Every structure is written in C-alpha cells, then in structure tokens.
N, C-alpha and C. Protein backbone atom coordinates (compact mmCIF):
# COMPACT_ATOMS: atom_id res chain seq x y z
N MET A 1 -52.72 -242.68 22.24
CA MET A 1 -53.27 -242.99 23.53
C MET A 1 -54.50 -243.86 23.32
N LYS A 2 -54.62 -244.86 24.16
CA LYS A 2 -55.78 -245.75 24.10
C LYS A 2 -56.51 -245.69 25.42
N VAL A 3 -57.77 -245.34 25.39
CA VAL A 3 -58.59 -245.23 26.59
C VAL A 3 -59.39 -246.51 26.72
N GLY A 4 -59.32 -247.14 27.87
CA GLY A 4 -60.05 -248.38 28.12
C GLY A 4 -61.50 -248.11 28.46
N LYS A 5 -62.22 -249.19 28.61
CA LYS A 5 -63.64 -249.06 28.94
C LYS A 5 -63.81 -248.83 30.44
N ILE A 6 -64.93 -248.26 30.82
CA ILE A 6 -65.23 -248.01 32.23
C ILE A 6 -65.64 -249.34 32.86
N GLU A 7 -65.04 -249.63 34.02
CA GLU A 7 -65.30 -250.91 34.69
C GLU A 7 -65.81 -250.66 36.11
N LYS A 8 -66.61 -251.57 36.60
CA LYS A 8 -67.13 -251.50 37.96
C LYS A 8 -66.53 -252.63 38.80
N LYS A 9 -66.53 -252.41 40.09
CA LYS A 9 -66.11 -253.41 41.07
C LYS A 9 -64.66 -253.87 40.89
N VAL A 10 -63.79 -252.96 40.46
CA VAL A 10 -62.36 -253.26 40.41
C VAL A 10 -61.78 -252.74 41.73
N PRO A 11 -61.27 -253.64 42.60
CA PRO A 11 -60.80 -253.20 43.92
C PRO A 11 -59.52 -252.36 43.81
N VAL A 12 -59.41 -251.40 44.71
CA VAL A 12 -58.20 -250.59 44.81
C VAL A 12 -57.15 -251.43 45.51
N PRO A 13 -55.95 -251.55 44.94
CA PRO A 13 -54.92 -252.36 45.58
C PRO A 13 -54.47 -251.75 46.91
N VAL A 14 -54.11 -252.60 47.83
CA VAL A 14 -53.62 -252.16 49.13
C VAL A 14 -52.17 -251.69 48.96
N VAL A 15 -51.89 -250.51 49.47
CA VAL A 15 -50.54 -249.96 49.39
C VAL A 15 -49.77 -250.40 50.62
N HIS A 16 -48.64 -250.98 50.40
CA HIS A 16 -47.79 -251.44 51.51
C HIS A 16 -46.59 -250.51 51.61
N SER A 17 -46.81 -249.35 52.22
CA SER A 17 -45.71 -248.42 52.37
C SER A 17 -44.80 -248.90 53.48
N LYS A 18 -43.53 -248.74 53.27
CA LYS A 18 -42.54 -249.16 54.25
C LYS A 18 -42.12 -247.93 55.05
N ILE A 19 -42.43 -247.93 56.33
CA ILE A 19 -42.02 -246.83 57.19
C ILE A 19 -40.64 -247.18 57.72
N LYS A 20 -39.68 -246.37 57.31
CA LYS A 20 -38.29 -246.66 57.64
C LYS A 20 -37.89 -246.15 59.03
N TYR A 21 -38.39 -244.98 59.39
CA TYR A 21 -37.98 -244.35 60.63
C TYR A 21 -39.19 -244.14 61.55
N PRO A 22 -38.99 -244.07 62.88
CA PRO A 22 -40.12 -243.97 63.82
C PRO A 22 -40.53 -242.54 64.16
N TRP A 23 -40.37 -241.60 63.24
CA TRP A 23 -40.65 -240.19 63.54
C TRP A 23 -42.08 -239.99 64.03
N HIS A 24 -43.01 -240.70 63.43
CA HIS A 24 -44.42 -240.51 63.75
C HIS A 24 -44.75 -240.88 65.20
N ASP A 25 -44.04 -241.83 65.75
CA ASP A 25 -44.31 -242.31 67.11
C ASP A 25 -43.58 -241.54 68.21
N MET A 26 -42.65 -240.67 67.82
CA MET A 26 -41.82 -240.00 68.82
C MET A 26 -42.54 -238.82 69.46
N LYS A 27 -42.31 -238.66 70.76
CA LYS A 27 -42.84 -237.54 71.52
C LYS A 27 -41.68 -236.58 71.82
N VAL A 28 -42.01 -235.33 72.14
CA VAL A 28 -41.00 -234.33 72.45
C VAL A 28 -40.12 -234.82 73.60
N GLY A 29 -38.81 -234.71 73.43
CA GLY A 29 -37.85 -235.15 74.44
C GLY A 29 -37.33 -236.56 74.22
N GLU A 30 -37.97 -237.33 73.36
CA GLU A 30 -37.52 -238.70 73.09
C GLU A 30 -36.47 -238.69 71.98
N SER A 31 -35.64 -239.72 71.98
CA SER A 31 -34.63 -239.86 70.94
C SER A 31 -34.56 -241.31 70.48
N VAL A 32 -33.97 -241.49 69.31
CA VAL A 32 -33.78 -242.82 68.77
C VAL A 32 -32.39 -242.87 68.14
N LEU A 33 -31.73 -244.02 68.30
CA LEU A 33 -30.42 -244.23 67.69
C LEU A 33 -30.61 -245.05 66.42
N ILE A 34 -30.16 -244.51 65.30
CA ILE A 34 -30.16 -245.23 64.04
C ILE A 34 -28.73 -245.73 63.86
N GLU A 35 -28.53 -247.02 64.06
CA GLU A 35 -27.19 -247.60 64.03
C GLU A 35 -26.73 -247.88 62.61
N ALA A 36 -25.45 -247.66 62.37
CA ALA A 36 -24.86 -247.96 61.07
C ALA A 36 -24.63 -249.46 60.97
N GLU A 37 -24.88 -249.99 59.79
CA GLU A 37 -24.59 -251.39 59.57
C GLU A 37 -23.12 -251.53 59.22
N GLU A 38 -22.62 -252.74 59.33
CA GLU A 38 -21.20 -252.98 59.07
C GLU A 38 -20.83 -252.51 57.67
N GLY A 39 -19.78 -251.71 57.59
CA GLY A 39 -19.30 -251.20 56.32
C GLY A 39 -19.93 -249.88 55.89
N ASP A 40 -20.99 -249.43 56.60
CA ASP A 40 -21.62 -248.15 56.26
C ASP A 40 -20.85 -247.00 56.88
N SER A 41 -20.80 -245.90 56.18
CA SER A 41 -20.16 -244.69 56.67
C SER A 41 -21.13 -243.94 57.57
N LEU A 42 -20.65 -243.49 58.73
CA LEU A 42 -21.51 -242.70 59.63
C LEU A 42 -21.92 -241.39 58.98
N PHE A 43 -21.01 -240.80 58.23
CA PHE A 43 -21.31 -239.53 57.57
C PHE A 43 -22.44 -239.72 56.55
N ASN A 44 -22.38 -240.78 55.76
CA ASN A 44 -23.43 -241.04 54.78
C ASN A 44 -24.76 -241.36 55.46
N LEU A 45 -24.70 -242.05 56.60
CA LEU A 45 -25.92 -242.35 57.35
C LEU A 45 -26.57 -241.05 57.82
N LYS A 46 -25.76 -240.12 58.33
CA LYS A 46 -26.30 -238.83 58.78
C LYS A 46 -26.88 -238.05 57.61
N ARG A 47 -26.28 -238.17 56.44
CA ARG A 47 -26.80 -237.49 55.25
C ARG A 47 -28.14 -238.06 54.79
N LYS A 48 -28.46 -239.27 55.19
CA LYS A 48 -29.76 -239.87 54.86
C LYS A 48 -30.80 -239.57 55.94
N VAL A 49 -30.40 -239.75 57.19
CA VAL A 49 -31.32 -239.64 58.32
C VAL A 49 -31.73 -238.20 58.59
N GLY A 50 -30.77 -237.28 58.57
CA GLY A 50 -31.06 -235.88 58.86
C GLY A 50 -32.13 -235.28 57.96
N PRO A 51 -31.96 -235.36 56.64
CA PRO A 51 -33.00 -234.82 55.75
C PRO A 51 -34.34 -235.52 55.88
N ALA A 52 -34.34 -236.82 56.17
CA ALA A 52 -35.60 -237.55 56.34
C ALA A 52 -36.36 -237.00 57.55
N ALA A 53 -35.66 -236.76 58.65
CA ALA A 53 -36.30 -236.22 59.85
C ALA A 53 -36.78 -234.78 59.60
N ARG A 54 -35.95 -233.99 58.94
CA ARG A 54 -36.31 -232.61 58.65
C ARG A 54 -37.55 -232.53 57.74
N TYR A 55 -37.59 -233.37 56.71
CA TYR A 55 -38.73 -233.39 55.79
C TYR A 55 -40.01 -233.78 56.52
N PHE A 56 -39.93 -234.83 57.35
CA PHE A 56 -41.10 -235.25 58.12
C PHE A 56 -41.55 -234.13 59.05
N GLY A 57 -40.60 -233.46 59.68
CA GLY A 57 -40.92 -232.37 60.58
C GLY A 57 -41.59 -231.21 59.88
N GLU A 58 -41.13 -230.86 58.69
CA GLU A 58 -41.74 -229.77 57.92
C GLU A 58 -43.17 -230.10 57.53
N LYS A 59 -43.44 -231.35 57.22
CA LYS A 59 -44.77 -231.75 56.79
C LYS A 59 -45.75 -231.89 57.95
N THR A 60 -45.25 -232.09 59.16
CA THR A 60 -46.13 -232.34 60.30
C THR A 60 -46.04 -231.28 61.40
N GLY A 61 -45.20 -230.26 61.23
CA GLY A 61 -45.08 -229.22 62.25
C GLY A 61 -44.24 -229.64 63.44
N ARG A 62 -43.43 -230.65 63.28
CA ARG A 62 -42.55 -231.11 64.35
C ARG A 62 -41.12 -230.70 64.04
N ALA A 63 -40.23 -230.84 65.01
CA ALA A 63 -38.82 -230.51 64.79
C ALA A 63 -37.94 -231.60 65.39
N PHE A 64 -36.83 -231.85 64.72
CA PHE A 64 -35.89 -232.90 65.13
C PHE A 64 -34.47 -232.37 65.08
N LYS A 65 -33.62 -232.91 65.93
CA LYS A 65 -32.20 -232.59 65.97
C LYS A 65 -31.43 -233.88 65.77
N THR A 66 -30.48 -233.89 64.85
CA THR A 66 -29.69 -235.10 64.60
C THR A 66 -28.22 -234.84 64.90
N LEU A 67 -27.59 -235.82 65.52
CA LEU A 67 -26.15 -235.75 65.80
C LEU A 67 -25.50 -237.09 65.49
N LEU A 68 -24.33 -237.01 64.92
CA LEU A 68 -23.53 -238.20 64.65
C LEU A 68 -22.91 -238.66 65.97
N MET A 69 -23.12 -239.90 66.34
CA MET A 69 -22.62 -240.42 67.62
C MET A 69 -21.60 -241.52 67.34
N ARG A 70 -20.34 -241.15 67.27
CA ARG A 70 -19.28 -242.12 66.95
C ARG A 70 -19.19 -243.25 67.99
N GLU A 71 -19.33 -242.89 69.27
CA GLU A 71 -19.20 -243.90 70.33
C GLU A 71 -20.34 -244.91 70.30
N GLU A 72 -21.49 -244.53 69.70
CA GLU A 72 -22.62 -245.44 69.59
C GLU A 72 -22.74 -246.03 68.18
N ASN A 73 -21.82 -245.65 67.30
CA ASN A 73 -21.78 -246.13 65.92
C ASN A 73 -23.11 -245.88 65.19
N GLY A 74 -23.58 -244.63 65.30
CA GLY A 74 -24.82 -244.32 64.62
C GLY A 74 -25.15 -242.84 64.68
N VAL A 75 -26.39 -242.55 64.34
CA VAL A 75 -26.90 -241.18 64.37
C VAL A 75 -28.08 -241.16 65.34
N ARG A 76 -28.03 -240.24 66.29
CA ARG A 76 -29.12 -240.12 67.25
C ARG A 76 -29.99 -238.94 66.83
N VAL A 77 -31.31 -239.18 66.90
CA VAL A 77 -32.28 -238.16 66.50
C VAL A 77 -33.19 -237.88 67.70
N TRP A 78 -33.31 -236.60 68.07
CA TRP A 78 -34.18 -236.16 69.14
C TRP A 78 -35.36 -235.41 68.55
N ARG A 79 -36.52 -235.60 69.12
CA ARG A 79 -37.65 -234.76 68.75
C ARG A 79 -37.65 -233.58 69.70
N THR A 80 -37.59 -232.37 69.13
CA THR A 80 -37.48 -231.16 69.94
C THR A 80 -38.74 -230.33 69.99
N LYS A 81 -39.68 -230.58 69.08
CA LYS A 81 -40.93 -229.81 69.05
C LYS A 81 -42.06 -230.70 68.63
C-alpha cells in the first residue's frame, strides 16, 4: 500500500446521480406508468420497477403498489402511504 501526501484545496467532484424513477416527487394517491420499450418483456419490467419502488419506500417510510398493465404496455405504480 502506498499512502500519498496530504493535499489542500482539492475540490470534491460533483456527483451526477441519475434518478431513474419519480418516487421522490409522488404524493399519496398519485400513480405513474412506466412504459415498456419495444422488445422489452412486461414481466421483466415489473421485476425491475417493483423492487425499486419497495426499496425506496423502505428507506423513506413510504409505500407503493405496482401492477402490470397489459393494456397500457407497462407497469403502473401507485403511492399508497
């Protein structure tokens, strides 16, 4: 292991996190449709979106309900709490 020297005035880089879903902006009773892109499986989309909403809800004290919506070609997510 090699330890470098202590430096001053080195700026902290700006983190550009990509927010994929709008969970943070949703209010109770609102929903959002996450549409499948051409060639994507609706089942696989639900397997991605559902856990993402559940994880966000666990970390923030919110709750979400996800349903596969074949007629809308996507997954609809409701904020319930």
